[in-house]
Protein backbone atom coordinates (compact mmCIF):
# COMPACT_ATOMS: atom_id res chain seq x y z
CA MET A 1 -5.37 -10.60 -4.60
CA THR A 2 -7.34 -9.40 -1.59
CA ILE A 3 -6.04 -7.31 1.36
CA GLY A 4 -8.78 -6.69 3.89
CA ALA A 5 -9.63 -3.31 5.42
CA GLU A 6 -8.99 -4.67 8.93
CA ILE A 7 -5.28 -4.18 8.85
CA ALA A 8 -3.55 -4.47 12.24
CA VAL A 9 -1.15 -1.63 13.03
CA THR A 10 0.28 -0.09 16.12
CA ARG A 11 -1.52 3.16 17.06
CA MET A 12 1.60 5.02 18.11
CA ALA A 13 1.53 8.71 17.13
CA GLY A 14 4.33 10.25 15.11
CA PRO A 15 5.03 13.36 13.11
CA GLU A 16 1.78 14.65 11.46
CA ASP A 17 3.18 14.33 7.87
CA LEU A 18 4.13 10.67 8.45
CA MET A 19 0.81 9.91 10.05
CA ALA A 20 -0.99 11.25 6.97
CA GLN A 21 1.33 9.19 4.75
CA GLU A 22 0.54 6.08 6.75
CA ALA A 23 -3.18 6.74 6.63
CA ALA A 24 -3.08 7.12 2.85
CA TYR A 25 -1.00 3.89 2.50
CA LEU A 26 -3.38 1.89 4.74
CA ALA A 27 -6.39 3.21 2.79
CA ALA A 28 -4.83 2.17 -0.47
CA LEU A 29 -3.96 -1.37 0.47
CA PRO A 30 -7.55 -2.74 0.54
CA GLN A 31 -7.97 -1.27 -3.02
CA THR A 32 -5.35 -3.67 -4.30
CA SER A 33 -6.57 -6.13 -6.91
CA THR A 34 -3.37 -7.24 -8.63
CA TYR A 35 0.36 -7.14 -8.33
CA GLU A 36 3.13 -7.06 -10.89
CA ILE A 37 6.85 -7.84 -10.53
CA ASP A 38 9.03 -5.90 -12.91
CA GLY A 39 12.69 -6.70 -12.20
CA ASP A 40 13.40 -5.45 -8.72
CA ILE A 41 10.06 -3.61 -8.44
CA LEU A 42 6.83 -4.93 -6.94
CA TRP A 43 3.75 -2.97 -7.95
CA LEU A 44 0.36 -3.13 -6.27
CA ARG A 45 -2.47 -2.12 -8.59
CA ASP A 46 -6.22 -1.46 -8.35
CA ALA A 47 -8.85 -3.10 -10.57
CA SER A 48 -8.29 -0.47 -13.31
CA GLY A 49 -4.54 -1.14 -13.31
CA ALA A 50 -3.56 2.09 -11.57
CA ALA A 51 -0.51 1.84 -9.38
CA LEU A 52 -1.25 2.05 -5.62
CA ALA A 53 2.17 1.21 -4.25
CA GLN A 54 5.63 0.40 -5.40
CA TYR A 55 8.34 -1.54 -3.57
CA MET A 56 12.00 -1.72 -4.70
CA ALA A 57 14.30 -4.61 -3.69
CA GLU A 58 17.55 -3.55 -2.16
């Protein structure tokens, strides 16, 4: 799985803590090498298997 570093996002400013969270999230996405689906959870993982992001189905 490959997610490029050139991710298109809106450049709207928001609360500083949320902007930092967004920056960390966008920096992690290009590190993604694999994904895993475990029940209702989608995991994005790097090449070493470390979790980068987790999504839960609602």
